[in-house]
């Protein structure tokens, strides 16, 4: 018999995005801009942005719920910057 590892439940909080945030997210994904959380620990995350085959990671880390707000801020930023 093997030893079963205990599952760690990570609470990233929940966030209800607006229709504008959803539109920006969809546009970014369709245009090859991927933004996601990247774990620093079980309590903090960085923002990871993949665009044009390059990956950037935010210098700052964010706690639960903040991570989602910041992620959608980036989606809106890129949407407004590049949408024509």
N, C-alpha and C. Protein backbone atom coordinates (compact mmCIF):
# COMPACT_ATOMS: atom_id res chain seq x y z
N UNK A 1 0.82 -1.19 0.00
CA UNK A 1 0.00 0.00 0.00
C UNK A 1 0.86 1.25 0.00
N UNK A 2 0.45 2.23 -0.76
CA UNK A 2 1.17 3.49 -0.81
C UNK A 2 0.66 4.46 0.26
N UNK A 3 1.45 5.46 0.49
CA UNK A 3 1.06 6.50 1.44
C UNK A 3 0.32 7.57 0.67
N UNK A 4 -0.83 7.95 1.17
CA UNK A 4 -1.62 8.98 0.51
C UNK A 4 -1.21 10.35 1.04
N UNK A 5 -0.94 11.25 0.13
CA UNK A 5 -0.57 12.61 0.52
C UNK A 5 -1.83 13.39 0.87
N UNK A 6 -1.72 14.24 1.86
CA UNK A 6 -2.84 15.08 2.27
C UNK A 6 -3.00 16.20 1.25
N UNK A 7 -4.23 16.41 0.78
CA UNK A 7 -4.50 17.47 -0.19
C UNK A 7 -4.53 18.81 0.52
N UNK A 8 -3.89 19.77 -0.07
CA UNK A 8 -3.89 21.12 0.47
C UNK A 8 -4.95 21.92 -0.29
N UNK A 9 -5.87 22.50 0.45
CA UNK A 9 -6.91 23.32 -0.16
C UNK A 9 -6.41 24.76 -0.16
N UNK A 10 -6.36 25.35 -1.33
CA UNK A 10 -5.86 26.71 -1.47
C UNK A 10 -7.05 27.63 -1.75
N UNK A 11 -7.22 28.62 -0.91
CA UNK A 11 -8.33 29.56 -1.05
C UNK A 11 -7.83 30.83 -1.73
N UNK A 12 -8.20 30.98 -3.01
CA UNK A 12 -7.83 32.17 -3.77
C UNK A 12 -8.94 33.20 -3.74
N UNK A 13 -10.00 32.91 -3.01
CA UNK A 13 -11.12 33.82 -2.96
C UNK A 13 -11.92 33.73 -4.24
N UNK A 14 -13.01 34.45 -4.29
CA UNK A 14 -13.82 34.46 -5.50
C UNK A 14 -14.01 35.91 -5.94
N UNK A 15 -14.24 36.06 -7.22
CA UNK A 15 -14.37 37.39 -7.80
C UNK A 15 -15.39 37.32 -8.92
N UNK A 16 -16.34 38.21 -8.90
CA UNK A 16 -17.35 38.27 -9.95
C UNK A 16 -16.95 39.36 -10.93
N UNK A 17 -16.48 38.97 -12.11
CA UNK A 17 -16.01 39.93 -13.10
C UNK A 17 -17.18 40.60 -13.82
N UNK A 18 -16.92 41.80 -14.31
CA UNK A 18 -17.94 42.56 -15.05
C UNK A 18 -17.98 42.09 -16.50
N UNK A 19 -18.99 42.54 -17.22
CA UNK A 19 -19.09 42.17 -18.64
C UNK A 19 -17.92 42.77 -19.42
N UNK A 20 -17.47 43.97 -19.05
CA UNK A 20 -16.31 44.58 -19.73
C UNK A 20 -15.06 43.76 -19.47
N UNK A 21 -14.88 43.30 -18.22
CA UNK A 21 -13.71 42.48 -17.90
C UNK A 21 -13.75 41.16 -18.67
N UNK A 22 -14.93 40.57 -18.79
CA UNK A 22 -15.07 39.32 -19.55
C UNK A 22 -14.78 39.54 -21.02
N UNK A 23 -15.25 40.65 -21.56
CA UNK A 23 -14.99 40.99 -22.96
C UNK A 23 -13.49 41.15 -23.20
N UNK A 24 -12.81 41.86 -22.29
CA UNK A 24 -11.36 42.07 -22.41
C UNK A 24 -10.62 40.74 -22.32
N UNK A 25 -11.02 39.88 -21.38
CA UNK A 25 -10.39 38.57 -21.22
C UNK A 25 -10.54 37.74 -22.49
N UNK A 26 -11.75 37.67 -23.02
CA UNK A 26 -12.00 36.89 -24.23
C UNK A 26 -11.17 37.42 -25.40
N UNK A 27 -11.14 38.74 -25.57
CA UNK A 27 -10.38 39.33 -26.65
C UNK A 27 -8.89 39.00 -26.51
N UNK A 28 -8.36 39.13 -25.30
CA UNK A 28 -6.94 38.85 -25.07
C UNK A 28 -6.61 37.40 -25.43
N UNK A 29 -7.41 36.47 -24.95
CA UNK A 29 -7.15 35.06 -25.22
C UNK A 29 -7.21 34.78 -26.73
N UNK A 30 -8.21 35.33 -27.41
CA UNK A 30 -8.31 35.15 -28.86
C UNK A 30 -7.13 35.75 -29.61
N UNK A 31 -6.45 36.71 -28.99
CA UNK A 31 -5.33 37.38 -29.63
C UNK A 31 -3.98 36.99 -29.02
N UNK A 32 -3.94 35.85 -28.35
CA UNK A 32 -2.68 35.30 -27.87
C UNK A 32 -2.08 35.98 -26.65
N UNK A 33 -2.90 36.64 -25.85
CA UNK A 33 -2.44 37.26 -24.61
C UNK A 33 -3.06 36.48 -23.47
N UNK A 34 -2.21 35.78 -22.72
CA UNK A 34 -2.68 34.90 -21.64
C UNK A 34 -2.20 35.45 -20.30
N UNK A 35 -3.12 35.65 -19.39
CA UNK A 35 -2.81 36.21 -18.08
C UNK A 35 -3.35 35.25 -17.03
N UNK A 36 -2.49 34.87 -16.09
CA UNK A 36 -2.92 33.90 -15.08
C UNK A 36 -2.15 34.09 -13.78
N UNK A 37 -2.70 33.56 -12.69
CA UNK A 37 -1.98 33.59 -11.41
C UNK A 37 -0.85 32.56 -11.42
N UNK A 38 0.21 32.87 -10.72
CA UNK A 38 1.34 31.96 -10.56
C UNK A 38 1.67 31.92 -9.07
N UNK A 39 1.60 30.76 -8.45
CA UNK A 39 1.76 30.65 -7.00
C UNK A 39 3.14 31.05 -6.52
N UNK A 40 3.16 31.91 -5.52
CA UNK A 40 4.37 32.22 -4.77
C UNK A 40 4.37 31.35 -3.52
N UNK A 41 3.19 31.20 -2.93
CA UNK A 41 2.97 30.34 -1.77
C UNK A 41 1.49 29.97 -1.78
N UNK A 42 1.00 29.38 -0.71
CA UNK A 42 -0.42 29.05 -0.65
C UNK A 42 -1.27 30.28 -0.32
N UNK A 43 -0.62 31.40 -0.04
CA UNK A 43 -1.33 32.62 0.32
C UNK A 43 -1.09 33.79 -0.64
N UNK A 44 -0.11 33.67 -1.53
CA UNK A 44 0.24 34.77 -2.42
C UNK A 44 0.53 34.25 -3.83
N UNK A 45 0.22 35.12 -4.81
CA UNK A 45 0.42 34.78 -6.22
C UNK A 45 1.01 35.95 -6.97
N UNK A 46 1.76 35.63 -8.01
CA UNK A 46 2.25 36.62 -8.96
C UNK A 46 1.28 36.61 -10.15
N UNK A 47 1.37 37.61 -11.00
CA UNK A 47 0.64 37.62 -12.26
C UNK A 47 1.63 37.20 -13.35
N UNK A 48 1.23 36.22 -14.13
CA UNK A 48 2.05 35.75 -15.24
C UNK A 48 1.36 36.16 -16.54
N UNK A 49 2.11 36.84 -17.42
CA UNK A 49 1.56 37.31 -18.69
C UNK A 49 2.38 36.69 -19.82
N UNK A 50 1.70 35.95 -20.70
CA UNK A 50 2.35 35.35 -21.87
C UNK A 50 1.82 36.04 -23.11
N UNK A 51 2.75 36.60 -23.88
CA UNK A 51 2.38 37.33 -25.09
C UNK A 51 3.55 37.30 -26.06
N UNK A 52 3.27 37.03 -27.32
CA UNK A 52 4.31 36.99 -28.36
C UNK A 52 5.48 36.06 -27.99
N UNK A 53 5.14 34.90 -27.46
CA UNK A 53 6.12 33.88 -27.07
C UNK A 53 7.07 34.35 -25.97
N UNK A 54 6.68 35.39 -25.23
CA UNK A 54 7.47 35.88 -24.09
C UNK A 54 6.60 35.82 -22.84
N UNK A 55 7.23 35.50 -21.73
CA UNK A 55 6.53 35.44 -20.46
C UNK A 55 7.10 36.48 -19.52
N UNK A 56 6.20 37.22 -18.89
CA UNK A 56 6.58 38.21 -17.88
C UNK A 56 5.87 37.87 -16.58
N UNK A 57 6.55 38.10 -15.48
CA UNK A 57 5.97 37.84 -14.16
C UNK A 57 6.02 39.14 -13.37
N UNK A 58 4.92 39.47 -12.73
CA UNK A 58 4.84 40.70 -11.97
C UNK A 58 5.88 40.70 -10.84
N UNK A 59 6.47 41.86 -10.57
CA UNK A 59 7.44 41.93 -9.47
C UNK A 59 6.74 41.86 -8.12
N UNK A 60 5.47 42.21 -8.10
CA UNK A 60 4.69 42.23 -6.88
C UNK A 60 3.85 40.97 -6.78
N UNK A 61 3.58 40.51 -5.57
CA UNK A 61 2.68 39.38 -5.38
C UNK A 61 1.38 39.90 -4.77
N UNK A 62 0.33 39.11 -4.92
CA UNK A 62 -1.01 39.51 -4.48
C UNK A 62 -1.64 38.42 -3.65
N UNK A 63 -2.49 38.83 -2.73
CA UNK A 63 -3.21 37.89 -1.88
C UNK A 63 -4.56 37.55 -2.52
N UNK A 64 -5.30 36.66 -1.83
CA UNK A 64 -6.57 36.22 -2.40
C UNK A 64 -7.48 37.41 -2.69
N UNK A 65 -8.31 37.27 -3.65
CA UNK A 65 -9.22 38.25 -4.22
C UNK A 65 -8.46 39.36 -4.95
N UNK A 66 -7.42 39.93 -4.33
CA UNK A 66 -6.59 40.94 -5.03
C UNK A 66 -6.05 40.38 -6.34
N UNK A 67 -5.67 39.10 -6.31
CA UNK A 67 -5.08 38.48 -7.49
C UNK A 67 -6.03 38.55 -8.68
N UNK A 68 -7.33 38.31 -8.43
CA UNK A 68 -8.31 38.33 -9.52
C UNK A 68 -8.54 39.75 -10.02
N UNK A 69 -8.62 40.71 -9.10
CA UNK A 69 -8.81 42.11 -9.50
C UNK A 69 -7.65 42.58 -10.37
N UNK A 70 -6.44 42.26 -9.95
CA UNK A 70 -5.25 42.69 -10.70
C UNK A 70 -5.18 41.98 -12.05
N UNK A 71 -5.52 40.72 -12.09
CA UNK A 71 -5.50 39.97 -13.34
C UNK A 71 -6.44 40.62 -14.36
N UNK A 72 -7.63 40.99 -13.93
CA UNK A 72 -8.57 41.64 -14.85
C UNK A 72 -8.15 43.06 -15.19
N UNK A 73 -7.45 43.74 -14.32
CA UNK A 73 -6.88 45.05 -14.66
C UNK A 73 -5.92 44.92 -15.83
N UNK A 74 -5.09 43.87 -15.79
CA UNK A 74 -4.17 43.63 -16.89
C UNK A 74 -4.91 43.28 -18.18
N UNK A 75 -5.96 42.45 -18.09
CA UNK A 75 -6.75 42.14 -19.28
C UNK A 75 -7.29 43.42 -19.91
N UNK A 76 -7.86 44.29 -19.11
CA UNK A 76 -8.41 45.55 -19.63
C UNK A 76 -7.31 46.43 -20.20
N UNK A 77 -6.17 46.47 -19.53
CA UNK A 77 -5.04 47.28 -20.03
C UNK A 77 -4.64 46.84 -21.43
N UNK A 78 -4.42 45.54 -21.64
CA UNK A 78 -3.99 45.04 -22.95
C UNK A 78 -5.11 45.16 -23.99
N UNK A 79 -6.33 44.94 -23.57
CA UNK A 79 -7.48 45.08 -24.47
C UNK A 79 -7.55 46.50 -25.00
N UNK A 80 -7.46 47.48 -24.11
CA UNK A 80 -7.55 48.89 -24.53
C UNK A 80 -6.31 49.34 -25.30
N UNK A 81 -5.18 48.75 -25.01
CA UNK A 81 -3.95 49.15 -25.69
C UNK A 81 -3.88 48.62 -27.12
N UNK A 82 -4.31 47.37 -27.34
CA UNK A 82 -4.11 46.73 -28.63
C UNK A 82 -5.36 46.56 -29.49
N UNK A 83 -6.54 46.67 -28.92
CA UNK A 83 -7.75 46.48 -29.73
C UNK A 83 -7.89 47.64 -30.71
N UNK A 84 -8.15 47.31 -31.95
CA UNK A 84 -8.27 48.34 -32.98
C UNK A 84 -9.63 48.35 -33.59
